[in-house]
C-alpha cells in the first residue's frame, strides 16, 4: 500500500516554504520553527529562514519554557518587545537567541483540533511595536497551514486503515472510496507539493484496485487535446507544467481544462480527472 514520506507534518521543505511566507507577511528579519513532539511536551526547531547562524537549528524547546514553550502551553501567540529583558518567560534559551541578535520575538502556535502541532517564531533584530493589524495579517496563512496539516493527518489515517491487517482484503468499493477521498482532499490544499503527493498516493491506490469488468467507454464529448490536458493534470502537474509538456501556452491549457470540466460536469480539476478515469478516457 502507498505511503507518504516518513516526515512529521510540516517538516522538511514544506516547513521552509511556510517560514518564508510567514517572514514575508510579518516583514520580519528572521523566521524559524518546527513541529511539536513528545505528545505536546516540546517542540523541535528544524527550520530556519533568514538567520545568520545555525545556533537555533535542532534546539528542543520544552513546553512552558522560553517564549515558544509558553506559546505551546497556552495555545496562543506570545510576543516580547525586548527578549533579554522580558520577565514573563524563562530564559533557558537566551544563548542561541543572543547569537542571532534578536530583540522583538513572537511565537505563533499552529493548533489543529485543539492540539498544538507546530510553532513558528518571527523575530526582528531591533525593538518593534507590534499591533493588532500585524497579528491579523497572519490569520489566512495560519488557517492555510492548519488546513494542510489536517489534510495530511486524514491521508495518513486513511492509508493506515487501508494498510492494517484485516480478516478480509479491502474490496474494490473500499479502495474506490479511499481514492475518491484522496481526490477531494487534494482539491482542498493550496500547497502544490502536497497536492502532487496526494495525487501520487491516489494513483498507487488506484493501481491496487482490481476491476471486476473492464470500464465502459462513457460518452464524454471530450476533444483529443482536452484529454491530453486531463492526462497531464492527472499526474499532478500545474497548468504551467502542462503547457510546457504539451507545447501550449498556459492560457490555452486553462481553456481546454475549463471546457473539459464543463463537459464532464466537474466541480474542479481533481473532480474532472476522477470522472475522466471513471469514463475510461484516461488511465
Protein backbone atom coordinates (compact mmCIF):
# COMPACT_ATOMS: atom_id res chain seq x y z
CA UNK A 1 0.00 0.00 0.00
CA UNK A 2 1.20 3.53 -0.77
CA UNK A 3 2.77 5.63 1.95
CA UNK A 4 3.56 9.29 2.45
CA UNK A 5 7.12 10.31 3.13
CA UNK A 6 8.04 9.49 6.76
CA UNK A 7 8.29 13.07 7.96
CA UNK A 8 6.36 14.98 10.58
CA UNK A 9 3.56 17.14 9.17
CA UNK A 10 5.05 20.42 8.02
CA UNK A 11 8.61 19.32 8.45
CA UNK A 12 11.32 19.48 5.80
CA UNK A 13 10.79 21.50 2.64
CA UNK A 14 7.18 22.34 3.40
CA UNK A 15 8.22 23.97 6.68
CA UNK A 16 10.83 26.12 4.94
CA UNK A 17 8.29 27.35 2.42
CA UNK A 18 5.85 28.18 5.21
CA UNK A 19 8.54 30.04 7.16
CA UNK A 20 9.35 32.10 4.07
CA UNK A 21 5.67 33.05 3.75
CA UNK A 22 5.40 33.98 7.44
CA UNK A 23 8.55 36.07 7.26
CA UNK A 24 7.23 37.94 4.21
CA UNK A 25 3.84 38.66 5.79
CA UNK A 26 5.42 39.80 9.05
CA UNK A 27 8.21 41.78 7.38
CA UNK A 28 10.46 40.09 9.89
CA UNK A 29 14.22 39.71 9.85
CA UNK A 30 14.08 36.05 10.83
CA UNK A 31 11.61 33.18 10.88
CA UNK A 32 12.20 29.78 12.43
CA UNK A 33 10.23 26.94 13.99
CA UNK A 34 9.23 23.32 13.77
CA UNK A 35 6.86 20.56 14.77
CA UNK A 36 5.53 19.80 18.25
CA UNK A 37 6.87 16.47 19.52
CA UNK A 38 6.62 14.19 22.51
CA UNK A 39 2.86 14.36 22.78
CA UNK A 40 2.91 18.13 23.17
CA UNK A 41 5.75 18.24 25.69
CA UNK A 42 8.22 20.04 23.44
CA UNK A 43 8.89 21.49 20.01
CA UNK A 44 11.90 20.98 17.79
CA UNK A 45 13.31 23.88 15.78
CA UNK A 46 14.02 22.21 12.45
CA UNK A 47 13.67 25.11 10.02
CA UNK A 48 15.45 28.46 9.78
CA UNK A 49 14.80 31.33 7.35
CA UNK A 50 16.88 34.49 7.31
CA UNK A 51 19.17 33.52 10.20
CA UNK A 52 22.86 34.42 10.18
CA UNK A 53 23.99 31.49 12.36
CA UNK A 54 22.98 27.87 12.99
CA UNK A 55 22.62 28.44 16.73
CA UNK A 56 18.86 27.73 16.75
CA UNK A 57 18.97 24.67 14.48
CA UNK A 58 17.96 21.48 16.27
CA UNK A 59 17.05 23.24 19.51
CA UNK A 60 14.40 21.40 21.56
CA UNK A 61 12.15 23.80 23.47
CA UNK A 62 10.20 22.26 26.34
CA UNK A 63 6.57 23.19 26.98
CA UNK A 64 6.34 26.04 29.49
CA UNK A 65 9.93 27.15 28.97
CA UNK A 66 11.08 30.12 26.93
CA UNK A 67 8.85 32.09 24.59
CA UNK A 68 7.92 29.17 22.34
CA UNK A 69 7.32 26.85 25.27
CA UNK A 70 4.91 29.37 26.76
CA UNK A 71 3.03 29.72 23.46
CA UNK A 72 2.89 25.93 23.22
CA UNK A 73 1.40 25.66 26.71
CA UNK A 74 -1.27 28.35 26.39
CA UNK A 75 -2.03 27.74 22.72
CA UNK A 76 -1.88 31.43 21.82
CA UNK A 77 0.70 33.80 20.28
CA UNK A 78 3.22 35.30 22.70
CA UNK A 79 5.43 38.31 21.96
CA UNK A 80 8.19 40.16 23.76
CA UNK A 81 9.47 43.55 22.70
CA UNK A 82 12.87 43.15 24.33
CA UNK A 83 13.60 39.43 24.59
CA UNK A 84 16.51 39.52 27.01
CA UNK A 85 14.73 41.85 29.46
CA UNK A 86 11.37 40.07 29.28
CA UNK A 87 10.04 38.97 32.68
CA UNK A 88 7.07 36.85 31.59
CA UNK A 89 9.18 33.98 30.22
CA UNK A 90 12.02 31.77 31.39
CA UNK A 91 15.44 32.30 29.82
CA UNK A 92 16.94 28.84 29.27
CA UNK A 93 17.42 29.56 25.57
CA UNK A 94 19.00 33.01 25.73
CA UNK A 95 22.31 31.83 24.27
CA UNK A 96 21.02 30.86 20.79
CA UNK A 97 18.75 33.93 20.69
CA UNK A 98 21.65 36.22 21.63
CA UNK A 99 23.80 34.65 18.91
CA UNK A 100 21.21 35.79 16.37
CA UNK A 101 20.97 39.28 17.96
CA UNK A 102 17.19 39.04 18.21
CA UNK A 103 15.18 41.66 20.09
CA UNK A 104 11.44 41.57 19.31
CA UNK A 105 10.27 37.95 19.06
CA UNK A 106 6.83 36.38 18.54
CA UNK A 107 5.93 32.70 18.87
CA UNK A 108 2.82 31.59 16.91
CA UNK A 109 1.43 28.13 17.75
CA UNK A 110 -0.36 26.28 14.94
CA UNK A 111 -3.25 24.38 16.52
CA UNK A 112 -5.30 21.66 14.78
CA UNK A 113 -8.34 20.18 16.54
CA UNK A 114 -7.22 21.94 19.75
CA UNK A 115 -3.83 20.23 19.63
CA UNK A 116 -0.67 22.34 19.02
CA UNK A 117 1.19 20.87 16.04
CA UNK A 118 3.97 23.35 15.33
CA UNK A 119 5.31 26.71 16.46
CA UNK A 120 6.51 29.48 14.18
CA UNK A 121 8.80 32.20 15.54
CA UNK A 122 9.07 35.63 13.90
CA UNK A 123 11.83 37.94 15.05
CA UNK A 124 13.29 41.39 14.47
CA UNK A 125 16.82 42.46 15.33
CA UNK A 126 15.52 45.78 16.61
CA UNK A 127 12.71 46.60 19.01
CA UNK A 128 9.46 46.84 17.08
CA UNK A 129 5.96 47.69 18.28
CA UNK A 130 3.53 45.05 17.01
CA UNK A 131 -0.14 45.99 16.74
CA UNK A 132 -3.38 44.14 16.07
CA UNK A 133 -3.09 44.73 12.32
CA UNK A 134 0.26 42.92 12.31
CA UNK A 135 -1.26 39.87 14.05
CA UNK A 136 -4.41 39.88 11.91
CA UNK A 137 -2.33 39.71 8.73
CA UNK A 138 -1.24 36.18 9.67
CA UNK A 139 -4.72 34.71 10.03
CA UNK A 140 -5.14 33.47 6.42
CA UNK A 141 -1.67 31.94 6.44
CA UNK A 142 -2.23 30.24 9.81
CA UNK A 143 -5.56 28.85 8.59
CA UNK A 144 -3.92 27.51 5.44
CA UNK A 145 -1.22 25.70 7.39
CA UNK A 146 -3.79 24.30 9.84
CA UNK A 147 -5.90 23.01 6.95
CA UNK A 148 -2.96 21.35 5.23
CA UNK A 149 -1.83 19.65 8.43
CA UNK A 150 -5.40 18.36 8.89
CA UNK A 151 -5.36 17.05 5.31
CA UNK A 152 -2.02 15.36 5.96
CA UNK A 153 -3.46 13.74 9.09
CA UNK A 154 -6.51 12.46 7.22
CA UNK A 155 -4.41 10.98 4.42
CA UNK A 156 -2.20 9.18 6.92
CA UNK A 157 -5.25 7.90 8.78
CA UNK A 158 -6.83 6.61 5.58
CA UNK A 159 -3.64 4.94 4.43
CA UNK A 160 -3.09 3.37 7.85
CA UNK A 161 -6.63 1.99 7.77
CA UNK A 162 -6.08 0.64 4.27
CA UNK A 163 -2.78 -0.99 5.29
CA UNK A 164 -3.98 -2.52 8.58
CA UNK A 165 -4.26 -6.32 8.66
CA UNK A 166 -7.86 -7.46 8.46
CA UNK A 167 -9.66 -10.80 8.10
CA UNK A 168 -10.75 -9.89 4.59
CA UNK A 169 -8.97 -7.91 1.91
CA UNK A 170 -10.26 -4.47 1.07
CA UNK A 171 -12.95 -4.58 -1.58
CA UNK A 172 -12.79 -2.63 -4.82
CA UNK A 173 -15.52 -0.38 -3.40
CA UNK A 174 -13.36 0.34 -0.32
CA UNK A 175 -10.41 1.29 -2.48
CA UNK A 176 -12.66 3.43 -4.67
CA UNK A 177 -13.87 5.30 -1.59
CA UNK A 178 -10.28 5.88 -0.43
CA UNK A 179 -9.30 7.08 -3.91
CA UNK A 180 -12.26 9.48 -4.04
CA UNK A 181 -11.46 10.89 -0.59
CA UNK A 182 -7.82 11.45 -1.56
CA UNK A 183 -9.01 13.35 -4.63
CA UNK A 184 -11.32 15.51 -2.53
CA UNK A 185 -8.52 16.22 -0.05
CA UNK A 186 -6.18 17.23 -2.88
CA UNK A 187 -8.75 19.76 -4.03
CA UNK A 188 -8.66 21.45 -0.61
CA UNK A 189 -4.94 22.24 -0.42
CA UNK A 190 -3.05 25.16 -1.93
CA UNK A 191 0.43 23.70 -1.43
CA UNK A 192 1.45 22.33 -4.86
CA UNK A 193 3.92 19.83 -3.41
CA UNK A 194 1.35 18.33 -1.03
CA UNK A 195 -1.26 18.22 -3.80
CA UNK A 196 1.12 16.30 -6.05
CA UNK A 197 1.96 13.88 -3.24
CA UNK A 198 -1.73 13.24 -2.72
CA UNK A 199 -2.22 12.58 -6.43
CA UNK A 200 0.74 10.16 -6.50
CA UNK A 201 -0.64 8.29 -3.50
CA UNK A 202 -4.06 8.16 -5.10
CA UNK A 203 -2.56 6.78 -8.32
CA UNK A 204 -0.94 3.97 -6.34
CA UNK A 205 -4.21 3.23 -4.57
CA UNK A 206 -5.96 3.08 -7.94
CA UNK A 207 -3.41 0.56 -9.18
CA UNK A 208 -4.36 -1.67 -6.27
CA UNK A 209 -7.94 -1.86 -7.44
CA UNK A 210 -8.90 -4.94 -9.44
CA UNK A 211 -11.92 -4.10 -11.56
CA UNK A 212 -14.48 -6.85 -11.95
CA UNK A 213 -15.10 -5.84 -15.55
CA UNK A 214 -13.36 -3.53 -17.97
CA UNK A 215 -14.64 0.03 -17.59
CA UNK A 216 -17.08 1.03 -20.27
CA UNK A 217 -16.23 3.94 -22.51
CA UNK A 218 -18.76 6.56 -21.45
CA UNK A 219 -19.61 9.28 -23.96
CA UNK A 220 -17.91 12.48 -22.80
CA UNK A 221 -17.61 14.61 -25.92
CA UNK A 222 -14.05 15.49 -24.94
CA UNK A 223 -11.75 16.69 -27.69
CA UNK A 224 -8.40 14.95 -28.09
CA UNK A 225 -6.47 17.94 -26.74
CA UNK A 226 -8.78 18.14 -23.71
CA UNK A 227 -7.99 14.51 -22.98
CA UNK A 228 -4.27 15.25 -23.31
CA UNK A 229 -4.56 18.09 -20.79
CA UNK A 230 -6.52 15.93 -18.33
CA UNK A 231 -3.91 13.17 -18.62
CA UNK A 232 -1.19 15.63 -17.63
CA UNK A 233 -3.28 17.09 -14.79
CA UNK A 234 -3.77 13.52 -13.50
CA UNK A 235 0.00 13.38 -12.98
CA UNK A 236 -0.27 16.29 -10.55
CA UNK A 237 1.09 18.90 -12.93
CA UNK A 238 0.24 22.60 -12.70
CA UNK A 239 -1.20 24.49 -15.69
CA UNK A 240 2.26 25.87 -16.45
CA UNK A 241 3.81 22.40 -16.40
CA UNK A 242 1.03 21.02 -18.60
CA UNK A 243 1.66 23.84 -21.08
CA UNK A 244 5.38 23.02 -21.19
CA UNK A 245 4.74 19.29 -21.61
CA UNK A 246 2.27 19.76 -24.48
CA UNK A 247 3.90 22.74 -26.17
CA UNK A 248 0.98 25.06 -25.45
CA UNK A 249 0.60 28.43 -23.79
CA UNK A 250 -0.82 28.42 -20.28
CA UNK A 251 -4.00 30.30 -21.25
CA UNK A 252 -4.79 27.60 -23.81
CA UNK A 253 -4.34 24.90 -21.19
CA UNK A 254 -6.77 26.75 -18.92
CA UNK A 255 -9.29 26.94 -21.75
CA UNK A 256 -9.03 23.22 -22.54
CA UNK A 257 -9.34 22.36 -18.85
CA UNK A 258 -12.37 24.63 -18.42
CA UNK A 259 -14.10 23.02 -21.41
CA UNK A 260 -13.31 19.53 -20.12
CA UNK A 261 -14.73 20.36 -16.68
CA UNK A 262 -17.90 21.72 -18.30
CA UNK A 263 -18.37 18.63 -20.47
CA UNK A 264 -17.76 16.29 -17.53
CA UNK A 265 -19.92 18.39 -15.15
CA UNK A 266 -16.93 18.53 -12.80
CA UNK A 267 -16.67 20.97 -9.89
CA UNK A 268 -12.87 21.24 -10.01
CA UNK A 269 -9.80 19.86 -11.82
CA UNK A 270 -9.39 16.89 -9.47
CA UNK A 271 -13.06 16.00 -9.89
CA UNK A 272 -12.61 16.21 -13.69
CA UNK A 273 -9.69 13.78 -13.57
CA UNK A 274 -11.71 11.36 -11.49
CA UNK A 275 -14.68 11.48 -13.86
CA UNK A 276 -12.43 11.07 -16.89
CA UNK A 277 -10.86 7.98 -15.31
CA UNK A 278 -14.24 6.53 -14.47
CA UNK A 279 -15.29 7.08 -18.08
CA UNK A 280 -12.19 5.24 -19.30
CA UNK A 281 -10.90 8.31 -21.14
CA UNK A 282 -7.57 8.43 -19.26
CA UNK A 283 -5.64 5.86 -17.25
